[in-house]
Amino acid sequence: MGFGIGIFLIVVGAILAFAVRDSIDVVNLEMIGYICLGAGVLALIIAVAMNAQRSHTTHREVVERRDDRLPPA
């Protein structure tokens, strides 16, 4: 998902919930706006959690040493 989708959903949800006054007989645009707001907040929380997890991950490089010499007798 990411930060962009979360912010986009919040903006679209806020527009539908607070700015649009038109009504469609079958669809309640205000409720769809609140659903988009909730989905956007959830997307932002998931993005922050995934980003925090990614920043705490460490990577190690393992180098194997191989001696072709025979051990001392």
N, C-alpha and C. Protein backbone atom coordinates (compact mmCIF):
# COMPACT_ATOMS: atom_id res chain seq x y z
N MET A 1 0.83 -1.17 0.00
CA MET A 1 0.00 0.00 0.00
C MET A 1 0.87 1.24 0.00
N GLY A 2 1.24 1.72 1.15
CA GLY A 2 2.13 2.86 1.21
C GLY A 2 1.44 4.11 1.68
N PHE A 3 2.28 5.12 1.85
CA PHE A 3 1.78 6.39 2.36
C PHE A 3 0.88 7.10 1.36
N GLY A 4 1.20 6.99 0.09
CA GLY A 4 0.45 7.71 -0.94
C GLY A 4 -0.99 7.28 -1.03
N ILE A 5 -1.23 5.98 -1.00
CA ILE A 5 -2.60 5.49 -1.08
C ILE A 5 -3.39 5.88 0.16
N GLY A 6 -2.75 5.81 1.32
CA GLY A 6 -3.43 6.21 2.55
C GLY A 6 -3.84 7.67 2.54
N ILE A 7 -2.94 8.52 2.12
CA ILE A 7 -3.25 9.95 2.05
C ILE A 7 -4.33 10.22 1.01
N PHE A 8 -4.24 9.54 -0.13
CA PHE A 8 -5.25 9.69 -1.17
C PHE A 8 -6.64 9.30 -0.66
N LEU A 9 -6.73 8.17 0.05
CA LEU A 9 -8.03 7.74 0.57
C LEU A 9 -8.57 8.72 1.61
N ILE A 10 -7.69 9.27 2.44
CA ILE A 10 -8.13 10.25 3.43
C ILE A 10 -8.68 11.50 2.74
N VAL A 11 -7.99 11.96 1.71
CA VAL A 11 -8.44 13.17 1.00
C VAL A 11 -9.78 12.92 0.31
N VAL A 12 -9.89 11.81 -0.40
CA VAL A 12 -11.15 11.50 -1.09
C VAL A 12 -12.27 11.31 -0.08
N GLY A 13 -11.98 10.63 1.02
CA GLY A 13 -13.00 10.42 2.04
C GLY A 13 -13.47 11.71 2.68
N ALA A 14 -12.52 12.62 2.94
CA ALA A 14 -12.90 13.91 3.53
C ALA A 14 -13.74 14.73 2.56
N ILE A 15 -13.41 14.69 1.30
CA ILE A 15 -14.20 15.42 0.31
C ILE A 15 -15.61 14.86 0.23
N LEU A 16 -15.71 13.54 0.19
CA LEU A 16 -17.04 12.93 0.10
C LEU A 16 -17.85 13.13 1.38
N ALA A 17 -17.18 13.08 2.53
CA ALA A 17 -17.91 13.17 3.80
C ALA A 17 -18.32 14.60 4.14
N PHE A 18 -17.47 15.56 3.84
CA PHE A 18 -17.72 16.91 4.33
C PHE A 18 -18.06 17.94 3.25
N ALA A 19 -17.67 17.71 2.01
CA ALA A 19 -17.84 18.75 1.00
C ALA A 19 -18.96 18.48 0.00
N VAL A 20 -19.26 17.23 -0.26
CA VAL A 20 -20.26 16.91 -1.27
C VAL A 20 -21.64 16.92 -0.63
N ARG A 21 -22.53 17.70 -1.19
CA ARG A 21 -23.90 17.80 -0.67
C ARG A 21 -24.92 17.17 -1.62
N ASP A 22 -24.47 16.67 -2.76
CA ASP A 22 -25.39 16.00 -3.68
C ASP A 22 -25.75 14.64 -3.11
N SER A 23 -26.88 14.14 -3.53
CA SER A 23 -27.28 12.82 -3.06
C SER A 23 -27.71 11.96 -4.24
N ILE A 24 -27.37 10.71 -4.14
CA ILE A 24 -27.80 9.72 -5.11
C ILE A 24 -28.77 8.81 -4.37
N ASP A 25 -29.83 8.41 -5.03
CA ASP A 25 -30.88 7.65 -4.35
C ASP A 25 -30.36 6.35 -3.72
N VAL A 26 -29.47 5.67 -4.39
CA VAL A 26 -29.04 4.35 -3.94
C VAL A 26 -27.81 4.42 -3.05
N VAL A 27 -26.97 5.45 -3.23
CA VAL A 27 -25.67 5.51 -2.56
C VAL A 27 -25.64 6.68 -1.59
N ASN A 28 -25.19 6.41 -0.37
CA ASN A 28 -24.99 7.46 0.62
C ASN A 28 -23.53 7.90 0.54
N LEU A 29 -23.27 9.03 -0.10
CA LEU A 29 -21.90 9.49 -0.32
C LEU A 29 -21.20 9.85 0.98
N GLU A 30 -21.94 10.32 1.96
CA GLU A 30 -21.32 10.66 3.24
C GLU A 30 -20.76 9.41 3.92
N MET A 31 -21.49 8.31 3.89
CA MET A 31 -21.01 7.07 4.48
C MET A 31 -19.81 6.52 3.72
N ILE A 32 -19.83 6.62 2.40
CA ILE A 32 -18.68 6.18 1.60
C ILE A 32 -17.46 7.03 1.96
N GLY A 33 -17.67 8.32 2.22
CA GLY A 33 -16.57 9.18 2.63
C GLY A 33 -15.97 8.75 3.95
N TYR A 34 -16.82 8.40 4.91
CA TYR A 34 -16.32 7.93 6.20
C TYR A 34 -15.59 6.59 6.07
N ILE A 35 -16.08 5.74 5.19
CA ILE A 35 -15.40 4.46 4.95
C ILE A 35 -14.03 4.70 4.34
N CYS A 36 -13.95 5.62 3.38
CA CYS A 36 -12.65 5.96 2.77
C CYS A 36 -11.69 6.58 3.79
N LEU A 37 -12.22 7.41 4.67
CA LEU A 37 -11.39 7.99 5.73
C LEU A 37 -10.81 6.89 6.62
N GLY A 38 -11.65 5.97 7.03
CA GLY A 38 -11.19 4.86 7.87
C GLY A 38 -10.17 3.98 7.17
N ALA A 39 -10.41 3.69 5.90
CA ALA A 39 -9.47 2.87 5.14
C ALA A 39 -8.14 3.60 4.95
N GLY A 40 -8.19 4.91 4.76
CA GLY A 40 -6.95 5.68 4.62
C GLY A 40 -6.14 5.72 5.89
N VAL A 41 -6.81 5.87 7.02
CA VAL A 41 -6.10 5.86 8.31
C VAL A 41 -5.49 4.49 8.55
N LEU A 42 -6.24 3.43 8.25
CA LEU A 42 -5.71 2.07 8.40
C LEU A 42 -4.52 1.84 7.49
N ALA A 43 -4.58 2.34 6.25
CA ALA A 43 -3.46 2.19 5.31
C ALA A 43 -2.22 2.93 5.82
N LEU A 44 -2.40 4.11 6.41
CA LEU A 44 -1.26 4.83 6.96
C LEU A 44 -0.64 4.10 8.15
N ILE A 45 -1.48 3.53 9.01
CA ILE A 45 -0.96 2.78 10.15
C ILE A 45 -0.17 1.56 9.69
N ILE A 46 -0.70 0.84 8.71
CA ILE A 46 0.01 -0.32 8.18
C ILE A 46 1.31 0.10 7.51
N ALA A 47 1.32 1.20 6.78
CA ALA A 47 2.53 1.67 6.11
C ALA A 47 3.60 2.06 7.13
N VAL A 48 3.19 2.72 8.22
CA VAL A 48 4.16 3.10 9.26
C VAL A 48 4.72 1.86 9.93
N ALA A 49 3.87 0.88 10.21
CA ALA A 49 4.33 -0.35 10.85
C ALA A 49 5.30 -1.12 9.95
N MET A 50 4.98 -1.21 8.67
CA MET A 50 5.86 -1.92 7.74
C MET A 50 7.18 -1.18 7.57
N ASN A 51 7.14 0.14 7.55
CA ASN A 51 8.37 0.92 7.41
C ASN A 51 9.23 0.81 8.65
N ALA A 52 8.62 0.78 9.83
CA ALA A 52 9.38 0.64 11.07
C ALA A 52 10.04 -0.74 11.13
N GLN A 53 9.32 -1.76 10.69
CA GLN A 53 9.87 -3.11 10.68
C GLN A 53 11.04 -3.20 9.71
N ARG A 54 10.90 -2.54 8.58
CA ARG A 54 11.96 -2.57 7.58
C ARG A 54 13.22 -1.86 8.06
N SER A 55 13.08 -0.83 8.88
CA SER A 55 14.25 -0.08 9.32
C SER A 55 15.00 -0.80 10.44
N HIS A 56 14.34 -1.73 11.13
CA HIS A 56 15.01 -2.47 12.21
C HIS A 56 15.67 -3.76 11.72
N THR A 57 15.52 -4.07 10.46
CA THR A 57 16.10 -5.28 9.91
C THR A 57 17.58 -5.06 9.64
N THR A 58 18.39 -6.01 10.04
CA THR A 58 19.82 -5.93 9.78
C THR A 58 20.21 -7.02 8.80
N HIS A 59 21.25 -6.74 8.06
CA HIS A 59 21.75 -7.70 7.09
C HIS A 59 23.21 -7.97 7.41
N ARG A 60 23.56 -9.22 7.36
CA ARG A 60 24.95 -9.60 7.60
C ARG A 60 25.50 -10.27 6.36
N GLU A 61 26.75 -9.99 6.12
CA GLU A 61 27.42 -10.63 5.01
C GLU A 61 28.36 -11.68 5.58
N VAL A 62 28.17 -12.91 5.18
CA VAL A 62 28.99 -14.01 5.67
C VAL A 62 30.01 -14.34 4.60
N VAL A 63 31.27 -14.28 4.98
CA VAL A 63 32.35 -14.61 4.06
C VAL A 63 33.00 -15.89 4.55
N GLU A 64 32.98 -16.88 3.71
CA GLU A 64 33.58 -18.15 4.08
C GLU A 64 35.04 -18.13 3.69
N ARG A 65 35.87 -18.51 4.62
CA ARG A 65 37.30 -18.54 4.33
C ARG A 65 37.69 -19.97 4.05
N ARG A 66 38.40 -20.14 2.96
CA ARG A 66 38.81 -21.48 2.58
C ARG A 66 40.30 -21.48 2.35
N ASP A 67 40.99 -22.30 3.12
CA ASP A 67 42.44 -22.46 2.95
C ASP A 67 42.69 -23.71 2.12
N ASP A 68 43.44 -23.54 1.08
CA ASP A 68 43.78 -24.68 0.23
C ASP A 68 45.04 -25.37 0.72
N ARG A 69 45.65 -24.79 1.73
CA ARG A 69 46.85 -25.40 2.28
C ARG A 69 46.49 -26.60 3.15
N LEU A 70 47.43 -27.52 3.24
CA LEU A 70 47.26 -28.66 4.14
C LEU A 70 47.62 -28.23 5.55
N PRO A 71 46.97 -28.79 6.54
CA PRO A 71 47.34 -28.43 7.92
C PRO A 71 48.74 -28.94 8.25
N PRO A 72 49.42 -28.25 9.19
CA PRO A 72 50.79 -28.69 9.52
C PRO A 72 50.77 -30.10 10.12
N ALA A 73 51.79 -30.84 9.73
CA ALA A 73 51.87 -32.26 10.16
C ALA A 73 52.58 -32.42 11.46
